[in-house]
Amino acid sequence: MMEAKHRMPGHLRTVTKLASVILAIGGTATMPVTAAEILAQPTAAFLDSIGVVSTFEDRGQPYEKTLEMLRFGGFRWLRGGIEGLSESGPLRIDSFLRLHREAGVKISWGLGSGISDVDRLLSTGRILAEAGALLAFEGNNEPNNWPVTYKGRQGGGRASWVPVAELHADLYRAVKSDPVLAQYPVWSVSEPGAQTDNAGLQFLEIPESAGTLMPPGTRFADYANVHNYLYHPNVPDPADNKSWDASDPTSAATVDGLFGNFGRTWANRHEGYPESALADLPRVTTETGVAIKGAVDEALQGVNLVNLYLSQFSRGYSYTSVYILRDRTDEQGAQTYGFFRPDFSPRLAAHYLHNLTRILADTGHREAPSELDYEISPRPATVHDLLLQHSDGTFQLIVWGEALVGETMVKVSLREKVKHVELYDVIKGSAPLATFRDTSEIELRVSDHPLVLKLAF
C-alpha cells in the first residue's frame, strides 16, 4: 500500500518537467507501419458525458452555491429525481429548471431510493422535457439497499425482486407509450447484480430461454446502469490503472461493474448477457467516485476522477455521474467524496476537471468527425488515449497515464505534418504550456494524469 505522503512528488513532477515535450519540428518522420486511422469522436459528446450527483436545498445546499459549483466544474448533467421533491419546497421542480436555464445542465430523472410512484415520475418528467431539460429516466436506486413496495408487495433487499422487475417493466411501458416522453431513454435499476431470485433485471429485454421469473420479451430499459466505484472491497488500495479497470466491461473488472450486474450477477450468479455482448451493450454510470481516506489523498482523488471520465467514455459509457459535487454535511461518517469541501471551496479534483472542460470547451457538435492517422509508441498498459474533434475541425488528442509512480516517455507519430500544436496539462491549468508548428512527431512524458494536444492541420 502506498502512503498518502508519496503522492506529493508525483503530483508536482510535471512542474519541473514541462520539457517533457520534445517535437521533431520540420522533420521527415513517416508513420510506422503499425499505425491506423483512428476515427475521432465529437468533443461535445465527451463533454456531454460528464455528470455529477449532488445534494440540493432539501439537504441544506443553497441553490446559488450549487449553480456556482456546477459552472466551475463544467458538468453537463445532473442525477436528479423525485426523491426529496416537494411542491412546497425547499426542493421544487423549479430548482432543476433553473439549473438547466442558468448552467445548461440536463437532468436524469429517477425514482430514487425505495420509491415506486411512476405517475409522479412521469408528470414531473414532462415538465423537464417541455423545457428541454430532461436527459433520461432512471430506475430505482440500489434496491438491494432500499427495497420498494409495489402493488402491495415488497421487493428488493433479501426478498424477491419480482416486484422491482414489475415496477420497472411498467415504468418502461409508461414512458414509451407517452407521446411527449417516448423519445427519452430509460436507464435500468442500479445493482441488478444483487438480485436474490432470478427476476431478469440483468437484461435490458429478457431473451427467449433465459429462465427468468419474468417472461421473455419483458423490456426494462434502453441502457444498463452500474455503480462502479473505483475502490471496492475486492480492490481497496491504490493501484495502477484504477480508473481504467473500473470501466472494464468484461469479467476482468474487479469492481462492481458491468459484468457483475449484466453478465453474471455478483450475488447469486444468475446468467445475463454473454461476455462477448457486453462490449456493445448501451451503458451509463449514475454513481461512481473516490473518497479521500487512508492512502487516498486529495491529489490521488483528483487524478483518479479526471482519468475516470476519460476511461468511462473511452470504454463505452455514454454518461458518467460521479458521487458527489460537494461533501454531504447531513450524514454521519467520513463524507470526503466531493469535488468541493463542505465550505464550498474546490478540491484538486474540481480544479483538474475545470481545466479539462475549459481546454476542450465546445458549444457546437461535429456530426461527422474525421479520422486521423497516428500511433503512440511504446504502448505500456498504463497509457491511454482518446481522440476527439472539436466542432471547428481541430483534433484534440488526450493522452493520460494511470501509473502510481514513475513516468513513461511515449512518442506520438502523425502521418502528416501538423501546422499548429498546443500542449496542455490538466493539473497545471487551462492555458497552453507550449506551442509548436510544422511537426509530425511529439514526445510526451506521461505519468498519472491527462495531457491534451490540440492539432490544427
Protein backbone atom coordinates (compact mmCIF):
# COMPACT_ATOMS: atom_id res chain seq x y z
CA MET A 1 0.00 0.00 0.00
CA MET A 2 1.31 3.43 -0.91
CA GLU A 3 1.24 6.06 1.82
CA ALA A 4 -0.58 9.29 1.04
CA LYS A 5 2.55 11.40 1.52
CA HIS A 6 4.09 9.72 -1.52
CA ARG A 7 1.54 11.39 -3.79
CA MET A 8 3.05 14.85 -3.49
CA PRO A 9 6.17 14.24 -5.59
CA GLY A 10 4.07 12.59 -8.30
CA HIS A 11 1.68 15.50 -8.29
CA LEU A 12 4.47 18.05 -8.58
CA ARG A 13 6.64 16.18 -11.09
CA THR A 14 5.25 17.99 -14.08
CA VAL A 15 6.16 21.39 -12.62
CA THR A 16 9.80 20.68 -13.36
CA LYS A 17 9.20 18.53 -16.44
CA LEU A 18 7.49 20.70 -18.93
CA ALA A 19 10.44 19.79 -21.03
CA SER A 20 8.54 16.55 -21.13
CA VAL A 21 7.52 17.58 -24.64
CA ILE A 22 10.02 17.13 -27.43
CA LEU A 23 8.99 17.78 -31.02
CA ALA A 24 10.69 16.96 -34.27
CA ILE A 25 9.96 20.25 -35.98
CA GLY A 26 10.24 20.25 -39.74
CA GLY A 27 11.43 16.66 -39.76
CA THR A 28 10.65 13.98 -42.30
CA ALA A 29 9.40 11.27 -39.97
CA THR A 30 6.91 8.88 -41.50
CA MET A 31 4.14 6.94 -39.91
CA PRO A 32 5.15 3.50 -38.59
CA VAL A 33 3.64 0.59 -40.47
CA THR A 34 1.58 -0.38 -37.41
CA ALA A 35 -0.33 2.90 -37.49
CA ALA A 36 -4.02 3.00 -38.19
CA GLU A 37 -6.63 5.59 -39.00
CA ILE A 38 -8.48 6.43 -35.81
CA LEU A 39 -12.00 7.83 -36.03
CA ALA A 40 -12.43 10.79 -33.71
CA GLN A 41 -15.47 11.27 -31.51
CA PRO A 42 -17.18 14.66 -31.20
CA THR A 43 -15.71 16.72 -28.39
CA ALA A 44 -19.22 17.69 -27.34
CA ALA A 45 -20.19 14.03 -26.93
CA PHE A 46 -17.44 13.57 -24.36
CA LEU A 47 -18.28 16.82 -22.56
CA ASP A 48 -21.96 15.84 -22.50
CA SER A 49 -20.99 12.60 -20.74
CA ILE A 50 -19.64 14.45 -17.69
CA GLY A 51 -22.21 14.34 -14.89
CA VAL A 52 -22.39 14.54 -11.12
CA VAL A 53 -24.55 13.58 -8.16
CA SER A 54 -25.45 16.45 -5.86
CA THR A 55 -27.43 17.41 -2.82
CA PHE A 56 -29.90 20.25 -3.10
CA GLU A 57 -31.92 22.64 -0.96
CA ASP A 58 -33.75 19.82 0.81
CA ARG A 59 -30.41 18.76 2.31
CA GLY A 60 -29.08 22.19 3.12
CA GLN A 61 -27.16 23.09 -0.05
CA PRO A 62 -28.17 26.57 -1.30
CA TYR A 63 -29.19 26.88 -4.93
CA GLU A 64 -26.69 29.63 -5.73
CA LYS A 65 -23.80 27.55 -4.41
CA THR A 66 -24.93 24.54 -6.44
CA LEU A 67 -25.04 26.71 -9.56
CA GLU A 68 -21.58 28.11 -8.86
CA MET A 69 -20.03 24.67 -8.37
CA LEU A 70 -21.64 23.21 -11.50
CA ARG A 71 -20.34 26.06 -13.60
CA PHE A 72 -16.84 25.80 -12.18
CA GLY A 73 -16.52 22.10 -12.93
CA GLY A 74 -18.13 22.27 -16.36
CA PHE A 75 -20.61 19.49 -15.56
CA ARG A 76 -23.13 18.87 -18.34
CA TRP A 77 -25.73 16.80 -16.48
CA LEU A 78 -27.09 16.08 -13.03
CA ARG A 79 -28.55 12.98 -11.46
CA GLY A 80 -31.94 14.04 -10.11
CA GLY A 81 -35.36 12.61 -9.37
CA ILE A 82 -38.50 12.78 -7.33
CA GLU A 83 -36.88 11.77 -4.05
CA GLY A 84 -36.99 14.83 -1.78
CA LEU A 85 -39.11 16.79 -4.26
CA SER A 86 -41.99 18.82 -2.81
CA GLU A 87 -44.46 21.37 -4.16
CA SER A 88 -43.89 23.48 -1.04
CA GLY A 89 -40.11 23.13 -1.03
CA PRO A 90 -37.39 23.54 -0.13
CA LEU A 91 -36.64 21.37 -3.22
CA ARG A 92 -39.03 22.08 -6.08
CA ILE A 93 -39.03 21.20 -9.76
CA ASP A 94 -38.18 24.87 -10.39
CA SER A 95 -34.70 24.28 -8.96
CA PHE A 96 -33.91 21.81 -11.74
CA LEU A 97 -35.45 24.04 -14.38
CA ARG A 98 -33.32 26.97 -13.19
CA LEU A 99 -30.15 24.88 -13.18
CA HIS A 100 -30.88 23.94 -16.78
CA ARG A 101 -31.52 27.54 -17.80
CA GLU A 102 -28.59 29.05 -15.91
CA ALA A 103 -25.92 26.32 -16.13
CA GLY A 104 -27.08 24.43 -19.23
CA VAL A 105 -27.19 21.09 -17.41
CA LYS A 106 -29.64 18.35 -18.29
CA ILE A 107 -31.26 16.12 -15.70
CA SER A 108 -31.56 12.35 -15.44
CA TRP A 109 -34.86 11.80 -13.70
CA GLY A 110 -35.20 8.80 -11.41
CA LEU A 111 -37.43 7.17 -8.84
CA GLY A 112 -34.69 7.38 -6.23
CA SER A 113 -34.35 5.10 -3.23
CA GLY A 114 -37.37 2.99 -2.31
CA ILE A 115 -39.93 4.99 -4.32
CA SER A 116 -42.46 3.43 -6.72
CA ASP A 117 -44.58 6.43 -7.82
CA VAL A 118 -44.36 6.08 -11.60
CA ASP A 119 -47.16 8.58 -12.23
CA ARG A 120 -45.31 11.31 -10.36
CA LEU A 121 -42.05 10.50 -12.09
CA LEU A 122 -43.70 10.91 -15.49
CA SER A 123 -45.71 14.03 -14.66
CA THR A 124 -42.63 15.87 -13.37
CA GLY A 125 -40.55 14.44 -16.19
CA ARG A 126 -42.90 16.04 -18.71
CA ILE A 127 -42.22 19.44 -17.15
CA LEU A 128 -38.48 18.91 -17.63
CA ALA A 129 -38.96 17.57 -21.16
CA GLU A 130 -41.05 20.56 -22.24
CA ALA A 131 -38.26 22.87 -21.01
CA GLY A 132 -35.56 20.88 -22.87
CA ALA A 133 -34.00 19.88 -19.53
CA LEU A 134 -34.64 16.12 -19.50
CA LEU A 135 -31.82 13.70 -20.30
CA ALA A 136 -33.27 10.29 -19.42
CA PHE A 137 -35.36 8.35 -16.93
CA GLU A 138 -33.69 6.16 -14.33
CA GLY A 139 -35.00 3.18 -12.41
CA ASN A 140 -34.78 2.66 -8.69
CA ASN A 141 -31.54 3.40 -6.85
CA GLU A 142 -29.93 0.25 -5.44
CA PRO A 143 -32.98 -1.82 -4.43
CA ASN A 144 -30.60 -4.09 -2.53
CA ASN A 145 -30.14 -1.25 -0.04
CA TRP A 146 -33.56 0.42 -0.40
CA PRO A 147 -36.35 -2.08 -1.10
CA VAL A 148 -39.54 -0.91 -2.79
CA THR A 149 -43.20 -1.69 -2.26
CA TYR A 150 -45.17 -2.08 -5.48
CA LYS A 151 -48.78 -3.16 -5.80
CA GLY A 152 -48.78 -4.17 -2.16
CA ARG A 153 -45.68 -6.38 -2.32
CA GLN A 154 -42.21 -5.56 -1.06
CA GLY A 155 -39.34 -6.26 -3.41
CA GLY A 156 -35.58 -5.92 -3.33
CA GLY A 157 -33.25 -6.36 -0.41
CA ARG A 158 -33.30 -10.01 0.64
CA ALA A 159 -36.87 -10.52 -0.56
CA SER A 160 -38.00 -11.44 -4.06
CA TRP A 161 -37.00 -8.96 -6.77
CA VAL A 162 -40.06 -9.70 -8.90
CA PRO A 163 -41.93 -6.61 -7.58
CA VAL A 164 -38.91 -4.50 -8.57
CA ALA A 165 -38.96 -6.06 -12.04
CA GLU A 166 -42.71 -5.49 -12.40
CA LEU A 167 -42.29 -1.85 -11.38
CA HIS A 168 -39.60 -1.26 -13.96
CA ALA A 169 -41.40 -3.07 -16.74
CA ASP A 170 -44.39 -0.82 -16.04
CA LEU A 171 -42.14 2.24 -15.92
CA TYR A 172 -40.65 1.41 -19.30
CA ARG A 173 -44.06 0.85 -20.91
CA ALA A 174 -45.39 4.08 -19.44
CA VAL A 175 -42.51 6.16 -20.80
CA LYS A 176 -42.60 4.59 -24.25
CA SER A 177 -46.37 4.97 -24.59
CA ASP A 178 -46.30 8.67 -23.67
CA PRO A 179 -46.27 10.94 -26.77
CA VAL A 180 -44.07 13.52 -25.02
CA LEU A 181 -41.65 11.14 -23.29
CA ALA A 182 -41.28 8.22 -25.69
CA GLN A 183 -38.14 9.71 -27.28
CA TYR A 184 -36.22 9.68 -23.99
CA PRO A 185 -34.12 6.68 -22.97
CA VAL A 186 -34.81 4.68 -19.84
CA TRP A 187 -31.84 3.66 -17.70
CA SER A 188 -32.07 0.47 -15.69
CA VAL A 189 -32.33 -0.06 -11.98
CA SER A 190 -28.87 0.08 -10.41
CA GLU A 191 -27.37 -3.02 -8.77
CA PRO A 192 -29.37 -5.74 -10.55
CA GLY A 193 -26.41 -7.92 -9.65
CA ALA A 194 -27.82 -8.10 -6.13
CA GLN A 195 -30.97 -9.95 -7.20
CA THR A 196 -31.97 -12.77 -4.89
CA ASP A 197 -34.23 -14.70 -7.22
CA ASN A 198 -33.79 -14.57 -10.99
CA ALA A 199 -36.29 -11.83 -11.82
CA GLY A 200 -34.47 -10.97 -15.05
CA LEU A 201 -33.29 -7.44 -14.31
CA GLN A 202 -29.81 -8.35 -15.59
CA PHE A 203 -31.26 -7.85 -19.09
CA LEU A 204 -32.50 -4.75 -20.86
CA GLU A 205 -35.01 -7.05 -22.55
CA ILE A 206 -35.35 -10.65 -21.45
CA PRO A 207 -34.42 -13.01 -24.29
CA GLU A 208 -36.00 -16.35 -25.08
CA SER A 209 -34.89 -19.29 -22.95
CA ALA A 210 -33.38 -17.05 -20.27
CA GLY A 211 -35.09 -18.99 -17.47
CA THR A 212 -36.13 -15.86 -15.58
CA LEU A 213 -39.18 -15.34 -13.41
CA MET A 214 -40.40 -12.51 -15.64
CA PRO A 215 -41.39 -13.67 -19.14
CA PRO A 216 -39.26 -13.41 -22.29
CA GLY A 217 -39.76 -10.14 -24.12
CA THR A 218 -40.14 -8.12 -20.93
CA ARG A 219 -38.39 -4.80 -21.51
CA PHE A 220 -36.88 -2.85 -18.62
CA ALA A 221 -34.52 -0.28 -20.07
CA ASP A 222 -32.57 1.09 -23.03
CA TYR A 223 -29.29 1.41 -21.10
CA ALA A 224 -27.60 -0.69 -18.44
CA ASN A 225 -26.84 1.35 -15.33
CA VAL A 226 -23.99 0.50 -12.94
CA HIS A 227 -22.39 1.95 -9.81
CA ASN A 228 -18.76 1.04 -10.44
CA TYR A 229 -16.89 2.76 -7.62
CA LEU A 230 -13.12 2.60 -8.10
CA TYR A 231 -12.23 1.44 -4.58
CA HIS A 232 -14.14 -1.77 -3.86
CA PRO A 233 -13.72 -4.38 -1.11
CA ASN A 234 -12.08 -6.57 -3.75
CA VAL A 235 -9.55 -3.83 -4.61
CA PRO A 236 -9.45 -1.37 -1.71
CA ASP A 237 -5.97 0.07 -2.26
CA PRO A 238 -4.40 2.46 -4.78
CA ALA A 239 -3.05 0.74 -7.88
CA ASP A 240 -2.07 1.38 -11.46
CA ASN A 241 -4.97 1.78 -13.91
CA LYS A 242 -7.53 2.31 -11.17
CA SER A 243 -9.96 4.27 -13.34
CA TRP A 244 -9.33 2.21 -16.47
CA ASP A 245 -10.03 -1.07 -14.69
CA ALA A 246 -13.23 0.20 -13.04
CA SER A 247 -14.54 0.97 -16.55
CA ASP A 248 -13.77 -2.51 -17.87
CA PRO A 249 -16.98 -4.12 -19.23
CA THR A 250 -15.63 -7.66 -19.01
CA SER A 251 -15.16 -10.25 -16.28
CA ALA A 252 -11.64 -8.91 -15.80
CA ALA A 253 -13.09 -5.98 -13.85
CA THR A 254 -12.53 -6.42 -10.12
CA VAL A 255 -15.04 -3.76 -9.05
CA ASP A 256 -18.84 -3.87 -9.06
CA GLY A 257 -19.08 -3.22 -12.78
CA LEU A 258 -20.95 -4.16 -15.93
CA PHE A 259 -20.13 -7.87 -15.89
CA GLY A 260 -21.20 -8.43 -12.28
CA ASN A 261 -24.57 -6.80 -12.92
CA PHE A 262 -25.41 -7.72 -16.51
CA GLY A 263 -23.09 -10.62 -17.36
CA ARG A 264 -23.31 -12.89 -14.34
CA THR A 265 -24.89 -11.35 -11.25
CA TRP A 266 -22.48 -10.96 -8.36
CA ALA A 267 -24.82 -12.08 -5.56
CA ASN A 268 -26.33 -15.32 -6.89
CA ARG A 269 -24.64 -15.89 -10.24
CA HIS A 270 -27.73 -15.55 -12.42
CA GLU A 271 -26.66 -15.63 -16.06
CA GLY A 272 -27.15 -12.49 -18.10
CA TYR A 273 -25.54 -11.38 -21.35
CA PRO A 274 -22.63 -13.42 -22.72
CA GLU A 275 -19.37 -11.62 -22.15
CA SER A 276 -18.94 -11.08 -25.89
CA ALA A 277 -22.13 -8.98 -25.95
CA LEU A 278 -21.17 -6.65 -23.10
CA ALA A 279 -18.78 -4.54 -25.19
CA ASP A 280 -21.69 -3.24 -27.25
CA LEU A 281 -24.31 -3.05 -24.50
CA PRO A 282 -25.52 0.56 -24.13
CA ARG A 283 -24.46 1.67 -20.67
CA VAL A 284 -24.23 4.52 -18.20
CA THR A 285 -22.96 5.04 -14.69
CA THR A 286 -25.13 7.04 -12.31
CA GLU A 287 -22.76 6.67 -9.35
CA THR A 288 -19.04 6.19 -9.08
CA GLY A 289 -16.40 8.07 -7.17
CA VAL A 290 -13.41 8.20 -4.86
CA ALA A 291 -13.29 9.10 -1.17
CA ILE A 292 -10.29 10.79 0.39
CA LYS A 293 -9.24 8.40 3.14
CA GLY A 294 -6.40 6.08 4.07
CA ALA A 295 -3.83 6.01 1.29
CA VAL A 296 -6.02 8.14 -1.00
CA ASP A 297 -5.14 11.80 -0.59
CA GLU A 298 -6.60 14.80 -2.38
CA ALA A 299 -4.12 14.63 -5.27
CA LEU A 300 -4.80 10.95 -5.94
CA GLN A 301 -8.56 11.53 -5.76
CA GLY A 302 -8.15 14.34 -8.26
CA VAL A 303 -6.26 12.36 -10.90
CA ASN A 304 -8.45 9.28 -10.35
CA LEU A 305 -11.60 11.29 -11.08
CA VAL A 306 -10.39 13.21 -14.11
CA ASN A 307 -8.99 9.95 -15.52
CA LEU A 308 -12.29 8.26 -14.74
CA TYR A 309 -14.37 10.44 -17.04
CA LEU A 310 -11.92 9.72 -19.87
CA SER A 311 -11.76 5.98 -19.18
CA GLN A 312 -15.51 5.60 -18.94
CA PHE A 313 -16.14 7.37 -22.23
CA SER A 314 -13.30 5.51 -23.96
CA ARG A 315 -14.67 2.16 -22.79
CA GLY A 316 -18.22 2.69 -23.95
CA TYR A 317 -20.09 4.53 -21.20
CA SER A 318 -22.31 7.19 -22.73
CA TYR A 319 -22.78 9.08 -19.45
CA THR A 320 -20.93 9.06 -16.13
CA SER A 321 -22.09 10.70 -12.90
CA VAL A 322 -19.58 10.97 -10.06
CA TYR A 323 -20.61 10.97 -6.42
CA ILE A 324 -20.57 13.80 -5.31
CA LEU A 325 -20.47 17.51 -6.11
CA ARG A 326 -19.88 18.63 -2.50
CA ASP A 327 -19.34 16.62 0.65
CA ARG A 328 -22.61 15.88 2.37
CA THR A 329 -22.96 17.58 5.74
CA ASP A 330 -26.17 15.87 6.88
CA GLU A 331 -24.80 12.33 7.18
CA GLN A 332 -22.56 10.71 9.75
CA GLY A 333 -19.25 9.22 8.79
CA ALA A 334 -16.45 10.37 6.53
CA GLN A 335 -18.01 12.38 3.71
CA THR A 336 -14.98 13.11 1.58
CA TYR A 337 -16.14 12.13 -1.89
CA GLY A 338 -16.80 15.69 -3.01
CA PHE A 339 -15.27 17.76 -5.75
CA PHE A 340 -15.90 20.54 -3.24
CA ARG A 341 -15.38 20.71 0.51
CA PRO A 342 -18.22 21.45 2.95
CA ASP A 343 -17.27 25.16 2.82
CA PHE A 344 -17.77 25.04 -1.00
CA SER A 345 -14.07 25.50 -1.75
CA PRO A 346 -12.81 23.39 -4.70
CA ARG A 347 -10.59 20.39 -4.16
CA LEU A 348 -7.90 19.46 -6.66
CA ALA A 349 -10.41 17.22 -8.46
CA ALA A 350 -12.57 20.27 -9.17
CA HIS A 351 -9.57 22.24 -10.42
CA TYR A 352 -8.42 19.41 -12.68
CA LEU A 353 -11.89 18.92 -14.16
CA HIS A 354 -12.30 22.69 -14.54
CA ASN A 355 -9.08 22.75 -16.55
CA LEU A 356 -10.06 19.80 -18.74
CA THR A 357 -13.51 21.15 -19.59
CA ARG A 358 -12.08 24.61 -20.35
CA ILE A 359 -9.36 23.18 -22.58
CA LEU A 360 -11.89 21.14 -24.55
CA ALA A 361 -14.72 23.70 -24.41
CA ASP A 362 -17.11 23.30 -27.34
CA THR A 363 -20.67 24.52 -27.62
CA GLY A 364 -21.13 23.03 -31.07
CA HIS A 365 -21.34 19.38 -32.14
CA ARG A 366 -19.49 17.86 -35.07
CA GLU A 367 -21.94 15.44 -36.64
CA ALA A 368 -19.42 13.59 -38.83
CA PRO A 369 -15.97 13.55 -37.20
CA SER A 370 -12.92 12.70 -39.29
CA GLU A 371 -10.15 10.12 -39.00
CA LEU A 372 -6.57 10.80 -38.00
CA ASP A 373 -3.53 8.65 -38.75
CA TYR A 374 -1.42 8.45 -35.62
CA GLU A 375 0.37 6.00 -33.41
CA ILE A 376 1.56 6.17 -29.82
CA SER A 377 4.65 4.12 -29.04
CA PRO A 378 5.61 2.44 -26.89
CA ARG A 379 2.21 1.44 -25.58
CA PRO A 380 2.54 0.46 -21.90
CA ALA A 381 -0.54 -0.80 -20.09
CA THR A 382 -0.84 2.40 -18.05
CA VAL A 383 -1.01 4.81 -21.03
CA HIS A 384 -4.34 5.51 -22.75
CA ASP A 385 -5.61 7.90 -25.38
CA LEU A 386 -8.83 9.41 -26.67
CA LEU A 387 -9.18 11.25 -29.99
CA LEU A 388 -11.79 14.00 -30.12
CA GLN A 389 -12.68 16.50 -32.81
CA HIS A 390 -13.91 19.98 -31.98
CA SER A 391 -16.80 21.45 -33.94
CA ASP A 392 -14.29 23.77 -35.66
CA GLY A 393 -12.43 20.74 -37.04
CA THR A 394 -9.47 20.85 -34.66
CA PHE A 395 -8.38 17.47 -33.32
CA GLN A 396 -7.87 17.10 -29.56
CA LEU A 397 -5.75 14.10 -28.66
CA ILE A 398 -5.85 13.29 -24.95
CA VAL A 399 -3.09 11.05 -23.64
CA TRP A 400 -3.29 10.08 -19.99
CA GLY A 401 -1.40 7.83 -17.66
CA GLU A 402 -2.56 5.81 -14.70
CA ALA A 403 0.76 4.86 -13.13
CA LEU A 404 1.06 5.31 -9.37
CA VAL A 405 4.76 6.06 -9.61
CA GLY A 406 7.17 6.90 -12.38
CA GLU A 407 6.59 8.13 -15.89
CA THR A 408 6.87 6.84 -19.43
CA MET A 409 8.27 8.59 -22.48
CA VAL A 410 5.96 7.98 -25.42
CA LYS A 411 6.06 9.29 -28.97
CA VAL A 412 3.01 10.43 -30.90
CA SER A 413 3.70 9.92 -34.61
CA LEU A 414 1.49 11.57 -37.22
CA ARG A 415 1.32 10.57 -40.87
CA GLU A 416 1.05 14.21 -41.93
CA LYS A 417 2.76 17.25 -40.50
CA VAL A 418 0.52 19.33 -38.32
CA LYS A 419 0.67 23.08 -38.84
CA HIS A 420 -0.06 24.10 -35.27
CA VAL A 421 0.17 22.18 -31.98
CA GLU A 422 -0.76 23.33 -28.49
CA LEU A 423 0.12 21.31 -25.41
CA TYR A 424 -1.95 21.39 -22.22
CA ASP A 425 -1.52 19.70 -18.84
CA VAL A 426 -4.76 19.47 -16.86
CA ILE A 427 -3.10 19.62 -13.45
CA LYS A 428 -1.26 22.81 -14.36
CA GLY A 429 -4.04 24.97 -15.77
CA SER A 430 -6.19 25.61 -18.83
CA ALA A 431 -3.67 27.69 -20.82
CA PRO A 432 -1.27 26.05 -23.30
CA LEU A 433 2.15 25.26 -21.89
CA ALA A 434 3.81 25.22 -25.29
CA THR A 435 3.02 25.88 -28.93
CA PHE A 436 4.72 24.29 -31.94
CA ARG A 437 4.44 24.39 -35.70
CA ASP A 438 5.06 22.06 -38.65
CA THR A 439 5.81 18.83 -36.86
CA SER A 440 4.98 15.16 -37.25
CA GLU A 441 6.40 13.71 -34.02
CA ILE A 442 5.66 14.63 -30.44
CA GLU A 443 7.25 13.04 -27.39
CA LEU A 444 5.47 13.19 -24.05
CA ARG A 445 6.36 12.17 -20.53
CA VAL A 446 3.20 10.51 -19.25
CA SER A 447 2.67 9.79 -15.56
CA ASP A 448 -0.68 9.78 -13.74
CA HIS A 449 -2.93 12.38 -15.41
CA PRO A 450 -4.05 13.73 -18.81
CA LEU A 451 -2.12 15.78 -21.33
CA VAL A 452 -4.01 17.34 -24.23
CA LEU A 453 -2.68 18.05 -27.70
CA LYS A 454 -4.68 20.40 -29.93
CA LEU A 455 -3.79 19.66 -33.54
CA ALA A 456 -4.72 22.06 -36.34
CA PHE A 457 -3.79 20.84 -39.83
